[in-house]
Amino acid sequence: MKQKDLNEIAKIEKAIKEKYGDEAIQNPKRDWDEEKEKKYLEDLKSFHERPRRSKKTKQIKGILIKERKTLHEVDRNCPVCGSYSFSGHDDLYMTKFDCCFNCYIQYVEGREERWKSGWRPNN
C-alpha cells in the first residue's frame, strides 16, 4: 500500500479550507459533548417509543384497519368489454382511460385523442 504523504494531505486540506471554509475540515466530534450525547439518546429513545400506527387507521371490533391510499375507488369491471381483473396493470388503464389493458391495446393505443373525446366501440 502506498505511504500517505503528509505534505500532500496538508495541501488538500488547505485547498478545502480556502474553498469551503474552516468548518469543512473540522472533526465532527469537536463540538460534541456529554450534554448533546444525553439529548441525542433521549430523542432516539422517545422516537422509538412512539406508536407506529398511521393516523389514518380505525379500529373495528379490536382489528386495526388502514384506510386506502388511493383517493378514488377503482372499478374492476371494464366498461368496454365487461371483463373483471385483479391485475394492477389494468388499474392504471382503468384510471387513465376507463378501460382494461386489452381494450386499451385494441381500441385506444394510437387513438388517445379520439378516446378522450368520448368515442367508444359498438358492442
PDB file of N, CA and C in Angstrom:
ATOM      1  N   MET A   1       0.844  -1.179   0.000  1.00  0.00           N
ATOM      2  CA  MET A   1       0.000   0.000   0.000  1.00  0.00           C
ATOM      3  C   MET A   1       0.892   1.245   0.000  1.00  0.00           C
ATOM      4  N   LYS A   2       0.471   2.259  -0.689  1.00  0.00           N
ATOM      5  CA  LYS A   2       1.236   3.488  -0.818  1.00  0.00           C
ATOM      6  C   LYS A   2       1.233   4.260   0.508  1.00  0.00           C
ATOM      7  N   GLN A   3       2.386   4.777   0.890  1.00  0.00           N
ATOM      8  CA  GLN A   3       2.513   5.571   2.110  1.00  0.00           C
ATOM      9  C   GLN A   3       1.806   6.919   1.915  1.00  0.00           C
ATOM     10  N   LYS A   4       1.163   7.393   2.970  1.00  0.00           N
ATOM     11  CA  LYS A   4       0.493   8.687   2.910  1.00  0.00           C
ATOM     12  C   LYS A   4       1.533   9.793   2.995  1.00  0.00           C
ATOM     13  N   ASP A   5       1.441  10.707   2.064  1.00  0.00           N
ATOM     14  CA  ASP A   5       2.344  11.857   2.069  1.00  0.00           C
ATOM     15  C   ASP A   5       1.656  12.966   2.862  1.00  0.00           C
ATOM     16  N   LEU A   6       2.204  13.289   4.037  1.00  0.00           N
ATOM     17  CA  LEU A   6       1.576  14.285   4.908  1.00  0.00           C
ATOM     18  C   LEU A   6       1.527  15.667   4.270  1.00  0.00           C
ATOM     19  N   ASN A   7       2.528  15.994   3.458  1.00  0.00           N
ATOM     20  CA  ASN A   7       2.522  17.291   2.774  1.00  0.00           C
ATOM     21  C   ASN A   7       1.370  17.367   1.764  1.00  0.00           C
ATOM     22  N   GLU A   8       1.117  16.247   1.068  1.00  0.00           N
ATOM     23  CA  GLU A   8       0.011  16.203   0.099  1.00  0.00           C
ATOM     24  C   GLU A   8      -1.329  16.341   0.817  1.00  0.00           C
ATOM     25  N   ILE A   9      -1.466  15.671   1.951  1.00  0.00           N
ATOM     26  CA  ILE A   9      -2.704  15.773   2.740  1.00  0.00           C
ATOM     27  C   ILE A   9      -2.905  17.204   3.217  1.00  0.00           C
ATOM     28  N   ALA A  10      -1.830  17.860   3.657  1.00  0.00           N
ATOM     29  CA  ALA A  10      -1.918  19.244   4.126  1.00  0.00           C
ATOM     30  C   ALA A  10      -2.336  20.179   2.991  1.00  0.00           C
ATOM     31  N   LYS A  11      -1.820  19.944   1.765  1.00  0.00           N
ATOM     32  CA  LYS A  11      -2.198  20.769   0.610  1.00  0.00           C
ATOM     33  C   LYS A  11      -3.694  20.624   0.306  1.00  0.00           C
ATOM     34  N   ILE A  12      -4.140  19.381   0.336  1.00  0.00           N
ATOM     35  CA  ILE A  12      -5.562  19.133   0.042  1.00  0.00           C
ATOM     36  C   ILE A  12      -6.443  19.785   1.102  1.00  0.00           C
ATOM     37  N   GLU A  13      -6.053  19.623   2.360  1.00  0.00           N
ATOM     38  CA  GLU A  13      -6.819  20.211   3.458  1.00  0.00           C
ATOM     39  C   GLU A  13      -6.846  21.729   3.350  1.00  0.00           C
ATOM     40  N   LYS A  14      -5.724  22.318   2.978  1.00  0.00           N
ATOM     41  CA  LYS A  14      -5.649  23.773   2.826  1.00  0.00           C
ATOM     42  C   LYS A  14      -6.562  24.246   1.690  1.00  0.00           C
ATOM     43  N   ALA A  15      -6.551  23.504   0.575  1.00  0.00           N
ATOM     44  CA  ALA A  15      -7.398  23.872  -0.562  1.00  0.00           C
ATOM     45  C   ALA A  15      -8.882  23.771  -0.190  1.00  0.00           C
ATOM     46  N   ILE A  16      -9.243  22.739   0.561  1.00  0.00           N
ATOM     47  CA  ILE A  16     -10.635  22.590   1.003  1.00  0.00           C
ATOM     48  C   ILE A  16     -11.024  23.738   1.915  1.00  0.00           C
ATOM     49  N   LYS A  17     -10.108  24.107   2.813  1.00  0.00           N
ATOM     50  CA  LYS A  17     -10.368  25.198   3.743  1.00  0.00           C
ATOM     51  C   LYS A  17     -10.581  26.508   2.997  1.00  0.00           C
ATOM     52  N   GLU A  18      -9.748  26.761   1.979  1.00  0.00           N
ATOM     53  CA  GLU A  18      -9.885  28.000   1.211  1.00  0.00           C
ATOM     54  C   GLU A  18     -11.194  28.042   0.429  1.00  0.00           C
ATOM     55  N   LYS A  19     -11.606  26.892  -0.105  1.00  0.00           N
ATOM     56  CA  LYS A  19     -12.806  26.871  -0.934  1.00  0.00           C
ATOM     57  C   LYS A  19     -14.095  26.846  -0.104  1.00  0.00           C
ATOM     58  N   TYR A  20     -14.123  26.042   0.985  1.00  0.00           N
ATOM     59  CA  TYR A  20     -15.358  25.833   1.724  1.00  0.00           C
ATOM     60  C   TYR A  20     -15.369  26.419   3.129  1.00  0.00           C
ATOM     61  N   GLY A  21     -14.238  26.857   3.647  1.00  0.00           N
ATOM     62  CA  GLY A  21     -14.201  27.454   4.977  1.00  0.00           C
ATOM     63  C   GLY A  21     -13.687  26.487   6.032  1.00  0.00           C
ATOM     64  N   ASP A  22     -13.510  27.032   7.253  1.00  0.00           N
ATOM     65  CA  ASP A  22     -12.934  26.260   8.358  1.00  0.00           C
ATOM     66  C   ASP A  22     -13.780  25.051   8.753  1.00  0.00           C
ATOM     67  N   GLU A  23     -15.092  25.190   8.701  1.00  0.00           N
ATOM     68  CA  GLU A  23     -15.962  24.108   9.156  1.00  0.00           C
ATOM     69  C   GLU A  23     -15.834  22.854   8.307  1.00  0.00           C
ATOM     70  N   ALA A  24     -15.398  22.981   7.067  1.00  0.00           N
ATOM     71  CA  ALA A  24     -15.298  21.831   6.176  1.00  0.00           C
ATOM     72  C   ALA A  24     -14.194  20.871   6.593  1.00  0.00           C
ATOM     73  N   ILE A  25     -13.190  21.355   7.305  1.00  0.00           N
ATOM     74  CA  ILE A  25     -12.070  20.481   7.677  1.00  0.00           C
ATOM     75  C   ILE A  25     -12.081  20.119   9.158  1.00  0.00           C
ATOM     76  N   GLN A  26     -13.084  20.558   9.900  1.00  0.00           N
ATOM     77  CA  GLN A  26     -13.156  20.255  11.321  1.00  0.00           C
ATOM     78  C   GLN A  26     -13.665  18.835  11.546  1.00  0.00           C
ATOM     79  N   ASN A  27     -13.217  18.227  12.620  1.00  0.00           N
ATOM     80  CA  ASN A  27     -13.705  16.922  13.025  1.00  0.00           C
ATOM     81  C   ASN A  27     -15.132  17.096  13.552  1.00  0.00           C
ATOM     82  N   PRO A  28     -16.085  16.289  13.085  1.00  0.00           N
ATOM     83  CA  PRO A  28     -17.468  16.451  13.535  1.00  0.00           C
ATOM     84  C   PRO A  28     -17.634  16.265  15.047  1.00  0.00           C
ATOM     85  N   LYS A  29     -16.753  15.518  15.680  1.00  0.00           N
ATOM     86  CA  LYS A  29     -16.857  15.283  17.119  1.00  0.00           C
ATOM     87  C   LYS A  29     -16.343  16.461  17.945  1.00  0.00           C
ATOM     88  N   ARG A  30     -15.790  17.460  17.297  1.00  0.00           N
ATOM     89  CA  ARG A  30     -15.192  18.584  18.004  1.00  0.00           C
ATOM     90  C   ARG A  30     -16.175  19.280  18.934  1.00  0.00           C
ATOM     91  N   ASP A  31     -17.415  19.500  18.469  1.00  0.00           N
ATOM     92  CA  ASP A  31     -18.410  20.228  19.251  1.00  0.00           C
ATOM     93  C   ASP A  31     -19.338  19.311  20.034  1.00  0.00           C
ATOM     94  N   TRP A  32     -19.095  18.011  20.004  1.00  0.00           N
ATOM     95  CA  TRP A  32     -19.954  17.046  20.684  1.00  0.00           C
ATOM     96  C   TRP A  32     -19.523  16.929  22.137  1.00  0.00           C
ATOM     97  N   ASP A  33     -20.491  16.996  23.052  1.00  0.00           N
ATOM     98  CA  ASP A  33     -20.158  16.862  24.467  1.00  0.00           C
ATOM     99  C   ASP A  33     -21.175  15.941  25.147  1.00  0.00           C
ATOM    100  N   GLU A  34     -21.019  15.741  26.439  1.00  0.00           N
ATOM    101  CA  GLU A  34     -21.885  14.823  27.181  1.00  0.00           C
ATOM    102  C   GLU A  34     -23.353  15.269  27.153  1.00  0.00           C
ATOM    103  N   GLU A  35     -23.584  16.574  27.226  1.00  0.00           N
ATOM    104  CA  GLU A  35     -24.949  17.091  27.223  1.00  0.00           C
ATOM    105  C   GLU A  35     -25.644  16.786  25.896  1.00  0.00           C
ATOM    106  N   LYS A  36     -24.953  17.004  24.789  1.00  0.00           N
ATOM    107  CA  LYS A  36     -25.523  16.701  23.476  1.00  0.00           C
ATOM    108  C   LYS A  36     -25.751  15.201  23.311  1.00  0.00           C
ATOM    109  N   GLU A  37     -24.846  14.406  23.845  1.00  0.00           N
ATOM    110  CA  GLU A  37     -24.988  12.951  23.779  1.00  0.00           C
ATOM    111  C   GLU A  37     -26.246  12.499  24.524  1.00  0.00           C
ATOM    112  N   LYS A  38     -26.469  13.048  25.727  1.00  0.00           N
ATOM    113  CA  LYS A  38     -27.659  12.696  26.513  1.00  0.00           C
ATOM    114  C   LYS A  38     -28.941  13.088  25.771  1.00  0.00           C
ATOM    115  N   LYS A  39     -28.958  14.295  25.219  1.00  0.00           N
ATOM    116  CA  LYS A  39     -30.140  14.762  24.487  1.00  0.00           C
ATOM    117  C   LYS A  39     -30.398  13.873  23.278  1.00  0.00           C
ATOM    118  N   TYR A  40     -29.336  13.521  22.563  1.00  0.00           N
ATOM    119  CA  TYR A  40     -29.476  12.652  21.394  1.00  0.00           C
ATOM    120  C   TYR A  40     -30.067  11.299  21.795  1.00  0.00           C
ATOM    121  N   LEU A  41     -29.558  10.701  22.858  1.00  0.00           N
ATOM    122  CA  LEU A  41     -30.060   9.398  23.301  1.00  0.00           C
ATOM    123  C   LEU A  41     -31.506   9.476  23.770  1.00  0.00           C
ATOM    124  N   GLU A  42     -31.883  10.567  24.434  1.00  0.00           N
ATOM    125  CA  GLU A  42     -33.277  10.748  24.853  1.00  0.00           C
ATOM    126  C   GLU A  42     -34.197  10.879  23.644  1.00  0.00           C
ATOM    127  N   ASP A  43     -33.772  11.668  22.675  1.00  0.00           N
ATOM    128  CA  ASP A  43     -34.575  11.841  21.463  1.00  0.00           C
ATOM    129  C   ASP A  43     -34.723  10.518  20.716  1.00  0.00           C
ATOM    130  N   LEU A  44     -33.654   9.769  20.640  1.00  0.00           N
ATOM    131  CA  LEU A  44     -33.681   8.489  19.964  1.00  0.00           C
ATOM    132  C   LEU A  44     -34.630   7.523  20.671  1.00  0.00           C
ATOM    133  N   LYS A  45     -34.568   7.512  21.991  1.00  0.00           N
ATOM    134  CA  LYS A  45     -35.433   6.634  22.778  1.00  0.00           C
ATOM    135  C   LYS A  45     -36.901   7.034  22.609  1.00  0.00           C
ATOM    136  N   SER A  46     -37.200   8.334  22.671  1.00  0.00           N
ATOM    137  CA  SER A  46     -38.588   8.775  22.525  1.00  0.00           C
ATOM    138  C   SER A  46     -39.112   8.504  21.114  1.00  0.00           C
ATOM    139  N   PHE A  47     -38.242   8.594  20.129  1.00  0.00           N
ATOM    140  CA  PHE A  47     -38.667   8.302  18.753  1.00  0.00           C
ATOM    141  C   PHE A  47     -39.097   6.848  18.615  1.00  0.00           C
ATOM    142  N   HIS A  48     -38.334   5.940  19.205  1.00  0.00           N
ATOM    143  CA  HIS A  48     -38.647   4.522  19.071  1.00  0.00           C
ATOM    144  C   HIS A  48     -39.780   4.069  19.979  1.00  0.00           C
ATOM    145  N   GLU A  49     -40.165   4.880  20.964  1.00  0.00           N
ATOM    146  CA  GLU A  49     -41.285   4.536  21.838  1.00  0.00           C
ATOM    147  C   GLU A  49     -42.626   4.975  21.268  1.00  0.00           C
ATOM    148  N   ARG A  50     -42.617   5.840  20.267  1.00  0.00           N
ATOM    149  CA  ARG A  50     -43.865   6.325  19.680  1.00  0.00           C
ATOM    150  C   ARG A  50     -44.609   5.171  19.005  1.00  0.00           C
ATOM    151  N   PRO A  51     -45.917   5.228  19.036  1.00  0.00           N
ATOM    152  CA  PRO A  51     -46.675   4.188  18.327  1.00  0.00           C
ATOM    153  C   PRO A  51     -46.453   4.330  16.822  1.00  0.00           C
ATOM    154  N   ARG A  52     -46.364   3.227  16.160  1.00  0.00           N
ATOM    155  CA  ARG A  52     -46.108   3.232  14.724  1.00  0.00           C
ATOM    156  C   ARG A  52     -47.390   3.254  13.895  1.00  0.00           C
ATOM    157  N   ARG A  53     -48.529   3.371  14.551  1.00  0.00           N
ATOM    158  CA  ARG A  53     -49.775   3.369  13.820  1.00  0.00           C
ATOM    159  C   ARG A  53     -49.950   4.647  13.011  1.00  0.00           C
ATOM    160  N   SER A  54     -50.480   4.487  11.853  1.00  0.00           N
ATOM    161  CA  SER A  54     -50.794   5.622  10.998  1.00  0.00           C
ATOM    162  C   SER A  54     -51.987   6.366  11.590  1.00  0.00           C
ATOM    163  N   LYS A  55     -52.078   7.635  11.325  1.00  0.00           N
ATOM    164  CA  LYS A  55     -53.213   8.422  11.801  1.00  0.00           C
ATOM    165  C   LYS A  55     -54.481   8.029  11.061  1.00  0.00           C
ATOM    166  N   LYS A  56     -54.315   7.396   9.902  1.00  0.00           N
ATOM    167  CA  LYS A  56     -55.469   7.042   9.092  1.00  0.00           C
ATOM    168  C   LYS A  56     -55.851   5.583   9.304  1.00  0.00           C
ATOM    169  N   THR A  57     -56.019   5.192  10.570  1.00  0.00           N
ATOM    170  CA  THR A  57     -56.485   3.846  10.877  1.00  0.00           C
ATOM    171  C   THR A  57     -57.722   3.956  11.739  1.00  0.00           C
ATOM    172  N   LYS A  58     -58.512   2.939  11.677  1.00  0.00           N
ATOM    173  CA  LYS A  58     -59.662   2.877  12.572  1.00  0.00           C
ATOM    174  C   LYS A  58     -59.738   1.469  13.129  1.00  0.00           C
ATOM    175  N   GLN A  59     -60.317   1.353  14.286  1.00  0.00           N
ATOM    176  CA  GLN A  59     -60.392   0.075  14.952  1.00  0.00           C
ATOM    177  C   GLN A  59     -61.846  -0.391  14.982  1.00  0.00           C
ATOM    178  N   ILE A  60     -62.065  -1.581  14.448  1.00  0.00           N
ATOM    179  CA  ILE A  60     -63.407  -2.165  14.423  1.00  0.00           C
ATOM    180  C   ILE A  60     -63.324  -3.528  15.084  1.00  0.00           C
ATOM    181  N   LYS A  61     -64.020  -3.679  16.206  1.00  0.00           N
ATOM    182  CA  LYS A  61     -64.044  -4.933  16.962  1.00  0.00           C
ATOM    183  C   LYS A  61     -62.638  -5.451  17.261  1.00  0.00           C
ATOM    184  N   GLY A  62     -61.745  -4.558  17.655  1.00  0.00           N
ATOM    185  CA  GLY A  62     -60.393  -4.946  18.040  1.00  0.00           C
ATOM    186  C   GLY A  62     -59.437  -5.155  16.889  1.00  0.00           C
ATOM    187  N   ILE A  63     -59.846  -4.866  15.659  1.00  0.00           N
ATOM    188  CA  ILE A  63     -58.987  -5.050  14.490  1.00  0.00           C
ATOM    189  C   ILE A  63     -58.661  -3.685  13.908  1.00  0.00           C
ATOM    190  N   LEU A  64     -57.369  -3.416  13.703  1.00  0.00           N
ATOM    191  CA  LEU A  64     -56.962  -2.157  13.094  1.00  0.00           C
ATOM    192  C   LEU A  64     -57.102  -2.254  11.581  1.00  0.00           C
ATOM    193  N   ILE A  65     -57.745  -1.268  10.987  1.00  0.00           N
ATOM    194  CA  ILE A  65     -57.942  -1.242   9.545  1.00  0.00           C
ATOM    195  C   ILE A  65     -57.366   0.059   9.013  1.00  0.00           C
ATOM    196  N   LYS A  66     -56.430  -0.053   8.064  1.00  0.00           N
ATOM    197  CA  LYS A  66     -55.851   1.131   7.441  1.00  0.00           C
ATOM    198  C   LYS A  66     -56.763   1.605   6.323  1.00  0.00           C
ATOM    199  N   GLU A  67     -56.815   2.924   6.173  1.00  0.00           N
ATOM    200  CA  GLU A  67     -57.601   3.477   5.079  1.00  0.00           C
ATOM    201  C   GLU A  67     -56.844   3.297   3.776  1.00  0.00           C
ATOM    202  N   ARG A  68     -57.570   3.289   2.683  1.00  0.00           N
ATOM    203  CA  ARG A  68     -56.944   3.129   1.371  1.00  0.00           C
ATOM    204  C   ARG A  68     -56.041   4.317   1.068  1.00  0.00           C
ATOM    205  N   LYS A  69     -54.966   4.046   0.365  1.00  0.00           N
ATOM    206  CA  LYS A  69     -54.047   5.110  -0.010  1.00  0.00           C
ATOM    207  C   LYS A  69     -54.529   5.856  -1.252  1.00  0.00           C
ATOM    208  N   THR A  70     -55.323   5.195  -2.074  1.00  0.00           N
ATOM    209  CA  THR A  70     -55.794   5.850  -3.281  1.00  0.00           C
ATOM    210  C   THR A  70     -56.911   6.819  -2.932  1.00  0.00           C
ATOM    211  N   LEU A  71     -57.039   7.825  -3.719  1.00  0.00           N
ATOM    212  CA  LEU A  71     -58.048   8.839  -3.482  1.00  0.00           C
ATOM    213  C   LEU A  71     -59.397   8.467  -4.076  1.00  0.00           C
ATOM    214  N   HIS A  72     -59.398   7.469  -4.951  1.00  0.00           N
ATOM    215  CA  HIS A  72     -60.644   7.077  -5.594  1.00  0.00           C
ATOM    216  C   HIS A  72     -60.722   5.557  -5.671  1.00  0.00           C
ATOM    217  N   GLU A  73     -61.914   5.073  -5.779  1.00  0.00           N
ATOM    218  CA  GLU A  73     -62.133   3.638  -5.911  1.00  0.00           C
ATOM    219  C   GLU A  73     -61.892   3.236  -7.361  1.00  0.00           C
ATOM    220  N   VAL A  74     -61.305   2.057  -7.543  1.00  0.00           N
ATOM    221  CA  VAL A  74     -61.072   1.542  -8.882  1.00  0.00           C
ATOM    222  C   VAL A  74     -62.089   0.438  -9.134  1.00  0.00           C
ATOM    223  N   ASP A  75     -62.910   0.632 -10.160  1.00  0.00           N
ATOM    224  CA  ASP A  75     -63.882  -0.389 -10.524  1.00  0.00           C
ATOM    225  C   ASP A  75     -63.135  -1.480 -11.290  1.00  0.00           C
ATOM    226  N   ARG A  76     -63.331  -2.713 -10.901  1.00  0.00           N
ATOM    227  CA  ARG A  76     -62.600  -3.834 -11.504  1.00  0.00           C
ATOM    228  C   ARG A  76     -63.257  -4.355 -12.779  1.00  0.00           C
ATOM    229  N   ASN A  77     -64.464  -3.901 -13.093  1.00  0.00           N
ATOM    230  CA  ASN A  77     -65.133  -4.328 -14.319  1.00  0.00           C
ATOM    231  C   ASN A  77     -64.836  -3.330 -15.425  1.00  0.00           C
ATOM    232  N   CYS A  78     -64.374  -3.854 -16.540  1.00  0.00           N
ATOM    233  CA  CYS A  78     -64.100  -2.981 -17.690  1.00  0.00           C
ATOM    234  C   CYS A  78     -65.429  -2.576 -18.319  1.00  0.00           C
ATOM    235  N   PRO A  79     -65.689  -1.268 -18.458  1.00  0.00           N
ATOM    236  CA  PRO A  79     -66.959  -0.835 -19.049  1.00  0.00           C
ATOM    237  C   PRO A  79     -67.058  -1.136 -20.539  1.00  0.00           C
ATOM    238  N   VAL A  80     -65.936  -1.412 -21.200  1.00  0.00           N
ATOM    239  CA  VAL A  80     -65.952  -1.666 -22.634  1.00  0.00           C
ATOM    240  C   VAL A  80     -66.251  -3.130 -22.924  1.00  0.00           C
ATOM    241  N   CYS A  81     -65.472  -4.048 -22.321  1.00  0.00           N
ATOM    242  CA  CYS A  81     -65.648  -5.467 -22.627  1.00  0.00           C
ATOM    243  C   CYS A  81     -66.320  -6.242 -21.506  1.00  0.00           C
ATOM    244  N   GLY A  82     -66.436  -5.658 -20.312  1.00  0.00           N
ATOM    245  CA  GLY A  82     -67.105  -6.313 -19.198  1.00  0.00           C
ATOM    246  C   GLY A  82     -66.254  -7.297 -18.428  1.00  0.00           C
ATOM    247  N   SER A  83     -64.976  -7.427 -18.756  1.00  0.00           N
ATOM    248  CA  SER A  83     -64.120  -8.387 -18.043  1.00  0.00           C
ATOM    249  C   SER A  83     -63.788  -7.861 -16.655  1.00  0.00           C
ATOM    250  N   TYR A  84     -63.491  -8.811 -15.754  1.00  0.00           N
ATOM    251  CA  TYR A  84     -63.143  -8.476 -14.376  1.00  0.00           C
ATOM    252  C   TYR A  84     -61.678  -8.801 -14.176  1.00  0.00           C
ATOM    253  N   SER A  85     -60.922  -7.907 -13.523  1.00  0.00           N
ATOM    254  CA  SER A  85     -59.489  -8.126 -13.394  1.00  0.00           C
ATOM    255  C   SER A  85     -58.987  -7.759 -12.009  1.00  0.00           C
ATOM    256  N   PHE A  86     -58.033  -8.564 -11.508  1.00  0.00           N
ATOM    257  CA  PHE A  86     -57.332  -8.252 -10.270  1.00  0.00           C
ATOM    258  C   PHE A  86     -55.981  -7.612 -10.555  1.00  0.00           C
ATOM    259  N   SER A  87     -55.615  -7.494 -11.803  1.00  0.00           N
ATOM    260  CA  SER A  87     -54.291  -7.024 -12.191  1.00  0.00           C
ATOM    261  C   SER A  87     -54.089  -5.546 -11.867  1.00  0.00           C
ATOM    262  N   GLY A  88     -52.950  -5.249 -11.257  1.00  0.00           N
ATOM    263  CA  GLY A  88     -52.595  -3.861 -11.011  1.00  0.00           C
ATOM    264  C   GLY A  88     -52.302  -3.146 -12.317  1.00  0.00           C
ATOM    265  N   HIS A  89     -51.909  -3.926 -13.317  1.00  0.00           N
ATOM    266  CA  HIS A  89     -51.641  -3.402 -14.656  1.00  0.00           C
ATOM    267  C   HIS A  89     -52.909  -2.772 -15.221  1.00  0.00           C
ATOM    268  N   ASP A  90     -54.040  -3.450 -15.014  1.00  0.00           N
ATOM    269  CA  ASP A  90     -55.317  -2.916 -15.502  1.00  0.00           C
ATOM    270  C   ASP A  90     -55.746  -1.671 -14.736  1.00  0.00           C
ATOM    271  N   ASP A  91     -55.363  -1.572 -13.453  1.00  0.00           N
ATOM    272  CA  ASP A  91     -55.747  -0.406 -12.647  1.00  0.00           C
ATOM    273  C   ASP A  91     -55.285   0.893 -13.289  1.00  0.00           C
ATOM    274  N   LEU A  92     -54.086   0.884 -13.831  1.00  0.00           N
ATOM    275  CA  LEU A  92     -53.547   2.084 -14.476  1.00  0.00           C
ATOM    276  C   LEU A  92     -54.430   2.511 -15.641  1.00  0.00           C
ATOM    277  N   TYR A  93     -54.785   1.557 -16.498  1.00  0.00           N
ATOM    278  CA  TYR A  93     -55.592   1.882 -17.673  1.00  0.00           C
ATOM    279  C   TYR A  93     -57.037   2.195 -17.303  1.00  0.00           C
ATOM    280  N   MET A  94     -57.546   1.542 -16.237  1.00  0.00           N
ATOM    281  CA  MET A  94     -58.897   1.858 -15.767  1.00  0.00           C
ATOM    282  C   MET A  94     -58.961   3.300 -15.266  1.00  0.00           C
ATOM    283  N   THR A  95     -57.911   3.729 -14.573  1.00  0.00           N
ATOM    284  CA  THR A  95     -57.886   5.077 -14.033  1.00  0.00           C
ATOM    285  C   THR A  95     -57.726   6.125 -15.132  1.00  0.00           C
ATOM    286  N   LYS A  96     -56.812   5.850 -16.057  1.00  0.00           N
ATOM    287  CA  LYS A  96     -56.494   6.862 -17.067  1.00  0.00           C
ATOM    288  C   LYS A  96     -57.447   6.844 -18.266  1.00  0.00           C
ATOM    289  N   PHE A  97     -57.817   5.640 -18.733  1.00  0.00           N
ATOM    290  CA  PHE A  97     -58.615   5.552 -19.957  1.00  0.00           C
ATOM    291  C   PHE A  97     -59.990   4.911 -19.763  1.00  0.00           C
ATOM    292  N   ASP A  98     -60.313   4.504 -18.544  1.00  0.00           N
ATOM    293  CA  ASP A  98     -61.604   3.888 -18.251  1.00  0.00           C
ATOM    294  C   ASP A  98     -61.838   2.622 -19.077  1.00  0.00           C
ATOM    295  N   CYS A  99     -60.782   1.805 -19.183  1.00  0.00           N
ATOM    296  CA  CYS A  99     -60.878   0.503 -19.846  1.00  0.00           C
ATOM    297  C   CYS A  99     -59.729  -0.376 -19.365  1.00  0.00           C
ATOM    298  N   CYS A 100     -59.812  -1.685 -19.616  1.00  0.00           N
ATOM    299  CA  CYS A 100     -58.744  -2.604 -19.211  1.00  0.00           C
ATOM    300  C   CYS A 100     -57.574  -2.524 -20.194  1.00  0.00           C
ATOM    301  N   PHE A 101     -56.507  -3.221 -19.882  1.00  0.00           N
ATOM    302  CA  PHE A 101     -55.312  -3.180 -20.726  1.00  0.00           C
ATOM    303  C   PHE A 101     -55.609  -3.736 -22.123  1.00  0.00           C
ATOM    304  N   ASN A 102     -56.348  -4.839 -22.191  1.00  0.00           N
ATOM    305  CA  ASN A 102     -56.649  -5.432 -23.505  1.00  0.00           C
ATOM    306  C   ASN A 102     -57.447  -4.471 -24.378  1.00  0.00           C
ATOM    307  N   CYS A 103     -58.427  -3.800 -23.798  1.00  0.00           N
ATOM    308  CA  CYS A 103     -59.205  -2.820 -24.570  1.00  0.00           C
ATOM    309  C   CYS A 103     -58.343  -1.628 -24.958  1.00  0.00           C
ATOM    310  N   TYR A 104     -57.416  -1.258 -24.079  1.00  0.00           N
ATOM    311  CA  TYR A 104     -56.503  -0.165 -24.417  1.00  0.00           C
ATOM    312  C   TYR A 104     -55.713  -0.523 -25.666  1.00  0.00           C
ATOM    313  N   ILE A 105     -55.158  -1.746 -25.692  1.00  0.00           N
ATOM    314  CA  ILE A 105     -54.366  -2.172 -26.848  1.00  0.00           C
ATOM    315  C   ILE A 105     -55.229  -2.212 -28.102  1.00  0.00           C
ATOM    316  N   GLN A 106     -56.438  -2.748 -27.979  1.00  0.00           N
ATOM    317  CA  GLN A 106     -57.292  -2.941 -29.142  1.00  0.00           C
ATOM    318  C   GLN A 106     -57.913  -1.635 -29.648  1.00  0.00           C
ATOM    319  N   TYR A 107     -58.361  -0.756 -28.740  1.00  0.00           N
ATOM    320  CA  TYR A 107     -59.143   0.403 -29.163  1.00  0.00           C
ATOM    321  C   TYR A 107     -58.476   1.759 -28.952  1.00  0.00           C
ATOM    322  N   VAL A 108     -57.635   1.885 -27.943  1.00  0.00           N
ATOM    323  CA  VAL A 108     -57.167   3.214 -27.551  1.00  0.00           C
ATOM    324  C   VAL A 108     -55.780   3.539 -28.087  1.00  0.00           C
ATOM    325  N   GLU A 109     -54.868   2.586 -28.034  1.00  0.00           N
ATOM    326  CA  GLU A 109     -53.468   2.854 -28.378  1.00  0.00           C
ATOM    327  C   GLU A 109     -53.356   3.487 -29.763  1.00  0.00           C
ATOM    328  N   GLY A 110     -52.748   4.639 -29.821  1.00  0.00           N
ATOM    329  CA  GLY A 110     -52.606   5.376 -31.073  1.00  0.00           C
ATOM    330  C   GLY A 110     -53.791   6.280 -31.376  1.00  0.00           C
ATOM    331  N   ARG A 111     -54.879   6.139 -30.629  1.00  0.00           N
ATOM    332  CA  ARG A 111     -56.076   6.946 -30.858  1.00  0.00           C
ATOM    333  C   ARG A 111     -56.540   7.609 -29.565  1.00  0.00           C
ATOM    334  N   GLU A 112     -55.594   8.056 -28.733  1.00  0.00           N
ATOM    335  CA  GLU A 112     -55.927   8.605 -27.414  1.00  0.00           C
ATOM    336  C   GLU A 112     -56.843   9.821 -27.503  1.00  0.00           C
ATOM    337  N   GLU A 113     -56.599  10.690 -28.455  1.00  0.00           N
ATOM    338  CA  GLU A 113     -57.410  11.909 -28.585  1.00  0.00           C
ATOM    339  C   GLU A 113     -58.865  11.563 -28.892  1.00  0.00           C
ATOM    340  N   ARG A 114     -59.066  10.617 -29.795  1.00  0.00           N
ATOM    341  CA  ARG A 114     -60.430  10.209 -30.149  1.00  0.00           C
ATOM    342  C   ARG A 114     -61.108   9.579 -28.929  1.00  0.00           C
ATOM    343  N   TRP A 115     -60.362   8.763 -28.171  1.00  0.00           N
ATOM    344  CA  TRP A 115     -60.908   8.098 -26.983  1.00  0.00           C
ATOM    345  C   TRP A 115     -61.297   9.130 -25.929  1.00  0.00           C
ATOM    346  N   LYS A 116     -60.408  10.115 -25.722  1.00  0.00           N
ATOM    347  CA  LYS A 116     -60.683  11.141 -24.712  1.00  0.00           C
ATOM    348  C   LYS A 116     -61.854  12.034 -25.110  1.00  0.00           C
ATOM    349  N   SER A 117     -62.124  12.140 -26.413  1.00  0.00           N
ATOM    350  CA  SER A 117     -63.256  12.961 -26.857  1.00  0.00           C
ATOM    351  C   SER A 117     -64.587  12.242 -26.669  1.00  0.00           C
ATOM    352  N   GLY A 118     -64.555  10.944 -26.301  1.00  0.00           N
ATOM    353  CA  GLY A 118     -65.797  10.253 -25.987  1.00  0.00           C
ATOM    354  C   GLY A 118     -66.122   9.063 -26.863  1.00  0.00           C
ATOM    355  N   TRP A 119     -65.333   8.784 -27.898  1.00  0.00           N
ATOM    356  CA  TRP A 119     -65.623   7.647 -28.771  1.00  0.00           C
ATOM    357  C   TRP A 119     -65.457   6.332 -28.024  1.00  0.00           C
ATOM    358  N   ARG A 120     -66.396   5.400 -28.214  1.00  0.00           N
ATOM    359  CA  ARG A 120     -66.317   4.045 -27.658  1.00  0.00           C
ATOM    360  C   ARG A 120     -66.766   3.067 -28.736  1.00  0.00           C
ATOM    361  N   PRO A 121     -66.240   1.847 -28.724  1.00  0.00           N
ATOM    362  CA  PRO A 121     -66.631   0.868 -29.749  1.00  0.00           C
ATOM    363  C   PRO A 121     -68.071   0.406 -29.523  1.00  0.00           C
ATOM    364  N   ASN A 122     -68.732  -0.011 -30.619  1.00  0.00           N
ATOM    365  CA  ASN A 122     -70.087  -0.551 -30.525  1.00  0.00           C
ATOM    366  C   ASN A 122     -69.988  -2.004 -30.091  1.00  0.00           C
ATOM    367  N   ASN A 123     -70.801  -2.390 -29.140  1.00  0.00           N
ATOM    368  CA  ASN A 123     -70.785  -3.789 -28.667  1.00  0.00           C
ATOM    369  C   ASN A 123     -71.707  -4.638 -29.520  1.00  0.00           C
TER     370      ASN A 123
END
